[in-house]
Amino acid sequence: MNEYSRIVIEQYCGTHSKTKKSSFLQKLLKGSYSLDYEPGDWEALQLSQYIESEKDPELRAALEDLDEYLFR
């Protein structure tokens, strides 16, 4: 996964720390550092919903990068 994408997601989570989306993205991001992490199908669906609804092109690209790294 591109390090720039990680930074963009971390910045989003830092500025939106009390949201459900932020909590979810932090969990996925933390899991992306672990070789043992196996995300579930529901997480793939949730992430794809966040990608579809994201209006910020930079964050959307970072979420697409995370999706490709974890689920493909």
PDB file of N, CA and C in Angstrom:
ATOM      1  N   MET A   1       0.842  -1.181   0.000  1.00  0.00           N
ATOM      2  CA  MET A   1       0.000   0.000   0.000  1.00  0.00           C
ATOM      3  C   MET A   1       0.885   1.241   0.000  1.00  0.00           C
ATOM      4  N   ASN A   2       0.490   2.203  -0.748  1.00  0.00           N
ATOM      5  CA  ASN A   2       1.203   3.460  -0.864  1.00  0.00           C
ATOM      6  C   ASN A   2       1.241   4.189   0.487  1.00  0.00           C
ATOM      7  N   GLU A   3       2.417   4.608   0.909  1.00  0.00           N
ATOM      8  CA  GLU A   3       2.556   5.298   2.207  1.00  0.00           C
ATOM      9  C   GLU A   3       1.796   6.621   2.227  1.00  0.00           C
ATOM     10  N   TYR A   4       1.728   7.282   1.087  1.00  0.00           N
ATOM     11  CA  TYR A   4       0.975   8.539   1.022  1.00  0.00           C
ATOM     12  C   TYR A   4      -0.501   8.297   1.340  1.00  0.00           C
ATOM     13  N   SER A   5      -1.049   7.180   0.859  1.00  0.00           N
ATOM     14  CA  SER A   5      -2.444   6.844   1.150  1.00  0.00           C
ATOM     15  C   SER A   5      -2.649   6.640   2.642  1.00  0.00           C
ATOM     16  N   ARG A   6      -1.695   5.984   3.284  1.00  0.00           N
ATOM     17  CA  ARG A   6      -1.785   5.784   4.737  1.00  0.00           C
ATOM     18  C   ARG A   6      -1.832   7.132   5.462  1.00  0.00           C
ATOM     19  N   ILE A   7      -1.003   8.058   5.018  1.00  0.00           N
ATOM     20  CA  ILE A   7      -0.940   9.378   5.648  1.00  0.00           C
ATOM     21  C   ILE A   7      -2.265  10.116   5.469  1.00  0.00           C
ATOM     22  N   VAL A   8      -2.834  10.061   4.274  1.00  0.00           N
ATOM     23  CA  VAL A   8      -4.111  10.725   4.015  1.00  0.00           C
ATOM     24  C   VAL A   8      -5.207  10.159   4.916  1.00  0.00           C
ATOM     25  N   ILE A   9      -5.262   8.847   5.049  1.00  0.00           N
ATOM     26  CA  ILE A   9      -6.274   8.216   5.896  1.00  0.00           C
ATOM     27  C   ILE A   9      -6.028   8.561   7.364  1.00  0.00           C
ATOM     28  N   GLU A  10      -4.774   8.540   7.800  1.00  0.00           N
ATOM     29  CA  GLU A  10      -4.461   8.901   9.182  1.00  0.00           C
ATOM     30  C   GLU A  10      -4.850  10.347   9.471  1.00  0.00           C
ATOM     31  N   GLN A  11      -4.628  11.243   8.525  1.00  0.00           N
ATOM     32  CA  GLN A  11      -5.019  12.646   8.714  1.00  0.00           C
ATOM     33  C   GLN A  11      -6.533  12.769   8.827  1.00  0.00           C
ATOM     34  N   TYR A  12      -7.243  12.040   7.982  1.00  0.00           N
ATOM     35  CA  TYR A  12      -8.701  12.066   8.061  1.00  0.00           C
ATOM     36  C   TYR A  12      -9.161  11.578   9.436  1.00  0.00           C
ATOM     37  N   CYS A  13      -8.602  10.471   9.882  1.00  0.00           N
ATOM     38  CA  CYS A  13      -8.990   9.906  11.173  1.00  0.00           C
ATOM     39  C   CYS A  13      -8.652  10.854  12.318  1.00  0.00           C
ATOM     40  N   GLY A  14      -7.558  11.577  12.194  1.00  0.00           N
ATOM     41  CA  GLY A  14      -7.170  12.526  13.228  1.00  0.00           C
ATOM     42  C   GLY A  14      -8.112  13.707  13.334  1.00  0.00           C
ATOM     43  N   THR A  15      -8.677  14.127  12.215  1.00  0.00           N
ATOM     44  CA  THR A  15      -9.575  15.281  12.240  1.00  0.00           C
ATOM     45  C   THR A  15     -11.044  14.896  12.415  1.00  0.00           C
ATOM     46  N   HIS A  16     -11.354  13.617  12.306  1.00  0.00           N
ATOM     47  CA  HIS A  16     -12.729  13.122  12.472  1.00  0.00           C
ATOM     48  C   HIS A  16     -12.753  11.976  13.481  1.00  0.00           C
ATOM     49  N   SER A  17     -12.080  12.168  14.587  1.00  0.00           N
ATOM     50  CA  SER A  17     -11.793  11.066  15.512  1.00  0.00           C
ATOM     51  C   SER A  17     -13.015  10.459  16.197  1.00  0.00           C
ATOM     52  N   LYS A  18     -14.125  11.120  16.213  1.00  0.00           N
ATOM     53  CA  LYS A  18     -15.275  10.587  16.947  1.00  0.00           C
ATOM     54  C   LYS A  18     -16.353   9.997  16.044  1.00  0.00           C
ATOM     55  N   THR A  19     -16.014   9.728  14.795  1.00  0.00           N
ATOM     56  CA  THR A  19     -17.011   9.194  13.878  1.00  0.00           C
ATOM     57  C   THR A  19     -16.857   7.689  13.704  1.00  0.00           C
ATOM     58  N   LYS A  20     -17.946   7.058  13.293  1.00  0.00           N
ATOM     59  CA  LYS A  20     -17.938   5.626  13.032  1.00  0.00           C
ATOM     60  C   LYS A  20     -17.002   5.296  11.865  1.00  0.00           C
ATOM     61  N   LYS A  21     -17.022   6.149  10.840  1.00  0.00           N
ATOM     62  CA  LYS A  21     -16.166   5.952   9.671  1.00  0.00           C
ATOM     63  C   LYS A  21     -14.696   5.996  10.068  1.00  0.00           C
ATOM     64  N   SER A  22     -14.333   6.968  10.888  1.00  0.00           N
ATOM     65  CA  SER A  22     -12.951   7.111  11.333  1.00  0.00           C
ATOM     66  C   SER A  22     -12.498   5.888  12.133  1.00  0.00           C
ATOM     67  N   SER A  23     -13.343   5.439  13.018  1.00  0.00           N
ATOM     68  CA  SER A  23     -13.022   4.262  13.837  1.00  0.00           C
ATOM     69  C   SER A  23     -12.811   3.030  12.949  1.00  0.00           C
ATOM     70  N   PHE A  24     -13.680   2.868  11.984  1.00  0.00           N
ATOM     71  CA  PHE A  24     -13.585   1.745  11.051  1.00  0.00           C
ATOM     72  C   PHE A  24     -12.293   1.815  10.235  1.00  0.00           C
ATOM     73  N   LEU A  25     -11.986   3.005   9.708  1.00  0.00           N
ATOM     74  CA  LEU A  25     -10.781   3.162   8.892  1.00  0.00           C
ATOM     75  C   LEU A  25      -9.511   2.955   9.716  1.00  0.00           C
ATOM     76  N   GLN A  26      -9.514   3.401  10.965  1.00  0.00           N
ATOM     77  CA  GLN A  26      -8.354   3.181  11.832  1.00  0.00           C
ATOM     78  C   GLN A  26      -8.119   1.693  12.042  1.00  0.00           C
ATOM     79  N   LYS A  27      -9.200   0.940  12.224  1.00  0.00           N
ATOM     80  CA  LYS A  27      -9.085  -0.506  12.413  1.00  0.00           C
ATOM     81  C   LYS A  27      -8.475  -1.164  11.166  1.00  0.00           C
ATOM     82  N   LEU A  28      -8.975  -0.787   9.985  1.00  0.00           N
ATOM     83  CA  LEU A  28      -8.436  -1.355   8.745  1.00  0.00           C
ATOM     84  C   LEU A  28      -6.983  -0.955   8.532  1.00  0.00           C
ATOM     85  N   LEU A  29      -6.682   0.299   8.817  1.00  0.00           N
ATOM     86  CA  LEU A  29      -5.324   0.786   8.632  1.00  0.00           C
ATOM     87  C   LEU A  29      -4.359   0.053   9.562  1.00  0.00           C
ATOM     88  N   LYS A  30      -4.757  -0.121  10.806  1.00  0.00           N
ATOM     89  CA  LYS A  30      -3.927  -0.862  11.758  1.00  0.00           C
ATOM     90  C   LYS A  30      -3.745  -2.311  11.287  1.00  0.00           C
ATOM     91  N   GLY A  31      -4.811  -2.900  10.781  1.00  0.00           N
ATOM     92  CA  GLY A  31      -4.736  -4.268  10.275  1.00  0.00           C
ATOM     93  C   GLY A  31      -3.838  -4.392   9.059  1.00  0.00           C
ATOM     94  N   SER A  32      -3.735  -3.336   8.285  1.00  0.00           N
ATOM     95  CA  SER A  32      -2.911  -3.395   7.079  1.00  0.00           C
ATOM     96  C   SER A  32      -1.421  -3.524   7.390  1.00  0.00           C
ATOM     97  N   TYR A  33      -1.039  -3.221   8.613  1.00  0.00           N
ATOM     98  CA  TYR A  33       0.363  -3.367   9.026  1.00  0.00           C
ATOM     99  C   TYR A  33       0.674  -4.786   9.493  1.00  0.00           C
ATOM    100  N   SER A  34      -0.351  -5.596   9.704  1.00  0.00           N
ATOM    101  CA  SER A  34      -0.164  -6.935  10.246  1.00  0.00           C
ATOM    102  C   SER A  34      -0.300  -7.991   9.149  1.00  0.00           C
ATOM    103  N   LEU A  35       0.571  -8.955   9.167  1.00  0.00           N
ATOM    104  CA  LEU A  35       0.489 -10.053   8.197  1.00  0.00           C
ATOM    105  C   LEU A  35      -0.610 -11.045   8.565  1.00  0.00           C
ATOM    106  N   ASP A  36      -1.027 -11.047   9.839  1.00  0.00           N
ATOM    107  CA  ASP A  36      -2.037 -11.992  10.303  1.00  0.00           C
ATOM    108  C   ASP A  36      -3.463 -11.488  10.128  1.00  0.00           C
ATOM    109  N   TYR A  37      -3.637 -10.240   9.762  1.00  0.00           N
ATOM    110  CA  TYR A  37      -4.964  -9.639   9.681  1.00  0.00           C
ATOM    111  C   TYR A  37      -5.716 -10.124   8.446  1.00  0.00           C
ATOM    112  N   GLU A  38      -6.906 -10.650   8.667  1.00  0.00           N
ATOM    113  CA  GLU A  38      -7.761 -11.097   7.576  1.00  0.00           C
ATOM    114  C   GLU A  38      -9.116 -10.412   7.723  1.00  0.00           C
ATOM    115  N   PRO A  39      -9.346  -9.341   6.975  1.00  0.00           N
ATOM    116  CA  PRO A  39     -10.623  -8.637   7.079  1.00  0.00           C
ATOM    117  C   PRO A  39     -11.766  -9.485   6.537  1.00  0.00           C
ATOM    118  N   GLY A  40     -12.944  -9.252   7.079  1.00  0.00           N
ATOM    119  CA  GLY A  40     -14.118 -10.007   6.663  1.00  0.00           C
ATOM    120  C   GLY A  40     -14.824  -9.390   5.466  1.00  0.00           C
ATOM    121  N   ASP A  41     -15.789 -10.134   4.948  1.00  0.00           N
ATOM    122  CA  ASP A  41     -16.556  -9.666   3.799  1.00  0.00           C
ATOM    123  C   ASP A  41     -17.341  -8.399   4.129  1.00  0.00           C
ATOM    124  N   TRP A  42     -17.860  -8.331   5.348  1.00  0.00           N
ATOM    125  CA  TRP A  42     -18.635  -7.142   5.729  1.00  0.00           C
ATOM    126  C   TRP A  42     -17.755  -5.896   5.719  1.00  0.00           C
ATOM    127  N   GLU A  43     -16.471  -6.072   6.042  1.00  0.00           N
ATOM    128  CA  GLU A  43     -15.549  -4.936   6.021  1.00  0.00           C
ATOM    129  C   GLU A  43     -15.285  -4.477   4.589  1.00  0.00           C
ATOM    130  N   ALA A  44     -15.206  -5.421   3.675  1.00  0.00           N
ATOM    131  CA  ALA A  44     -15.028  -5.077   2.262  1.00  0.00           C
ATOM    132  C   ALA A  44     -16.236  -4.303   1.745  1.00  0.00           C
ATOM    133  N   LEU A  45     -17.421  -4.740   2.139  1.00  0.00           N
ATOM    134  CA  LEU A  45     -18.640  -4.043   1.717  1.00  0.00           C
ATOM    135  C   LEU A  45     -18.710  -2.641   2.306  1.00  0.00           C
ATOM    136  N   GLN A  46     -18.378  -2.530   3.582  1.00  0.00           N
ATOM    137  CA  GLN A  46     -18.427  -1.228   4.238  1.00  0.00           C
ATOM    138  C   GLN A  46     -17.435  -0.260   3.605  1.00  0.00           C
ATOM    139  N   LEU A  47     -16.227  -0.739   3.337  1.00  0.00           N
ATOM    140  CA  LEU A  47     -15.218   0.113   2.723  1.00  0.00           C
ATOM    141  C   LEU A  47     -15.660   0.549   1.327  1.00  0.00           C
ATOM    142  N   SER A  48     -16.240  -0.353   0.558  1.00  0.00           N
ATOM    143  CA  SER A  48     -16.690   0.020  -0.785  1.00  0.00           C
ATOM    144  C   SER A  48     -17.808   1.061  -0.723  1.00  0.00           C
ATOM    145  N   GLN A  49     -18.648   0.998   0.301  1.00  0.00           N
ATOM    146  CA  GLN A  49     -19.685   2.026   0.473  1.00  0.00           C
ATOM    147  C   GLN A  49     -19.062   3.377   0.803  1.00  0.00           C
ATOM    148  N   TYR A  50     -18.046   3.372   1.643  1.00  0.00           N
ATOM    149  CA  TYR A  50     -17.356   4.620   1.971  1.00  0.00           C
ATOM    150  C   TYR A  50     -16.665   5.200   0.733  1.00  0.00           C
ATOM    151  N   ILE A  51     -16.093   4.337  -0.083  1.00  0.00           N
ATOM    152  CA  ILE A  51     -15.423   4.798  -1.304  1.00  0.00           C
ATOM    153  C   ILE A  51     -16.438   5.448  -2.246  1.00  0.00           C
ATOM    154  N   GLU A  52     -17.567   4.795  -2.440  1.00  0.00           N
ATOM    155  CA  GLU A  52     -18.587   5.309  -3.357  1.00  0.00           C
ATOM    156  C   GLU A  52     -19.130   6.663  -2.913  1.00  0.00           C
ATOM    157  N   SER A  53     -19.244   6.872  -1.603  1.00  0.00           N
ATOM    158  CA  SER A  53     -19.853   8.104  -1.104  1.00  0.00           C
ATOM    159  C   SER A  53     -18.838   9.219  -0.834  1.00  0.00           C
ATOM    160  N   GLU A  54     -17.544   8.913  -0.955  1.00  0.00           N
ATOM    161  CA  GLU A  54     -16.509   9.915  -0.631  1.00  0.00           C
ATOM    162  C   GLU A  54     -16.427  10.992  -1.703  1.00  0.00           C
ATOM    163  N   LYS A  55     -16.495  12.248  -1.267  1.00  0.00           N
ATOM    164  CA  LYS A  55     -16.449  13.376  -2.188  1.00  0.00           C
ATOM    165  C   LYS A  55     -15.047  13.965  -2.352  1.00  0.00           C
ATOM    166  N   ASP A  56     -14.186  13.773  -1.367  1.00  0.00           N
ATOM    167  CA  ASP A  56     -12.810  14.272  -1.431  1.00  0.00           C
ATOM    168  C   ASP A  56     -11.991  13.326  -2.315  1.00  0.00           C
ATOM    169  N   PRO A  57     -11.518  13.799  -3.469  1.00  0.00           N
ATOM    170  CA  PRO A  57     -10.801  12.901  -4.398  1.00  0.00           C
ATOM    171  C   PRO A  57      -9.521  12.305  -3.810  1.00  0.00           C
ATOM    172  N   GLU A  58      -8.835  13.057  -2.972  1.00  0.00           N
ATOM    173  CA  GLU A  58      -7.591  12.561  -2.367  1.00  0.00           C
ATOM    174  C   GLU A  58      -7.883  11.421  -1.390  1.00  0.00           C
ATOM    175  N   LEU A  59      -8.894  11.602  -0.546  1.00  0.00           N
ATOM    176  CA  LEU A  59      -9.267  10.549   0.400  1.00  0.00           C
ATOM    177  C   LEU A  59      -9.853   9.359  -0.344  1.00  0.00           C
ATOM    178  N   ARG A  60     -10.624   9.627  -1.382  1.00  0.00           N
ATOM    179  CA  ARG A  60     -11.205   8.532  -2.165  1.00  0.00           C
ATOM    180  C   ARG A  60     -10.099   7.664  -2.776  1.00  0.00           C
ATOM    181  N   ALA A  61      -9.074   8.290  -3.333  1.00  0.00           N
ATOM    182  CA  ALA A  61      -7.957   7.538  -3.921  1.00  0.00           C
ATOM    183  C   ALA A  61      -7.236   6.732  -2.849  1.00  0.00           C
ATOM    184  N   ALA A  62      -7.072   7.300  -1.659  1.00  0.00           N
ATOM    185  CA  ALA A  62      -6.417   6.589  -0.564  1.00  0.00           C
ATOM    186  C   ALA A  62      -7.257   5.385  -0.126  1.00  0.00           C
ATOM    187  N   LEU A  63      -8.570   5.550  -0.071  1.00  0.00           N
ATOM    188  CA  LEU A  63      -9.450   4.440   0.300  1.00  0.00           C
ATOM    189  C   LEU A  63      -9.439   3.354  -0.764  1.00  0.00           C
ATOM    190  N   GLU A  64      -9.369   3.740  -2.015  1.00  0.00           N
ATOM    191  CA  GLU A  64      -9.263   2.750  -3.100  1.00  0.00           C
ATOM    192  C   GLU A  64      -7.955   1.981  -2.997  1.00  0.00           C
ATOM    193  N   ASP A  65      -6.890   2.657  -2.624  1.00  0.00           N
ATOM    194  CA  ASP A  65      -5.595   2.001  -2.429  1.00  0.00           C
ATOM    195  C   ASP A  65      -5.674   1.005  -1.271  1.00  0.00           C
ATOM    196  N   LEU A  66      -6.311   1.413  -0.183  1.00  0.00           N
ATOM    197  CA  LEU A  66      -6.491   0.516   0.965  1.00  0.00           C
ATOM    198  C   LEU A  66      -7.328  -0.693   0.567  1.00  0.00           C
ATOM    199  N   ASP A  67      -8.383  -0.467  -0.186  1.00  0.00           N
ATOM    200  CA  ASP A  67      -9.251  -1.552  -0.646  1.00  0.00           C
ATOM    201  C   ASP A  67      -8.468  -2.548  -1.493  1.00  0.00           C
ATOM    202  N   GLU A  68      -7.691  -2.046  -2.412  1.00  0.00           N
ATOM    203  CA  GLU A  68      -6.907  -2.925  -3.284  1.00  0.00           C
ATOM    204  C   GLU A  68      -5.869  -3.712  -2.476  1.00  0.00           C
ATOM    205  N   TYR A  69      -5.262  -3.061  -1.506  1.00  0.00           N
ATOM    206  CA  TYR A  69      -4.236  -3.717  -0.692  1.00  0.00           C
ATOM    207  C   TYR A  69      -4.833  -4.825   0.176  1.00  0.00           C
ATOM    208  N   LEU A  70      -5.992  -4.579   0.786  1.00  0.00           N
ATOM    209  CA  LEU A  70      -6.558  -5.545   1.726  1.00  0.00           C
ATOM    210  C   LEU A  70      -7.419  -6.625   1.077  1.00  0.00           C
ATOM    211  N   PHE A  71      -8.095  -6.280  -0.007  1.00  0.00           N
ATOM    212  CA  PHE A  71      -9.129  -7.181  -0.510  1.00  0.00           C
ATOM    213  C   PHE A  71      -8.883  -7.732  -1.914  1.00  0.00           C
ATOM    214  N   ARG A  72      -7.748  -7.436  -2.497  1.00  0.00           N
ATOM    215  CA  ARG A  72      -7.520  -7.964  -3.842  1.00  0.00           C
ATOM    216  C   ARG A  72      -6.215  -8.693  -3.943  1.00  0.00           C
TER     217      ARG A  72
END
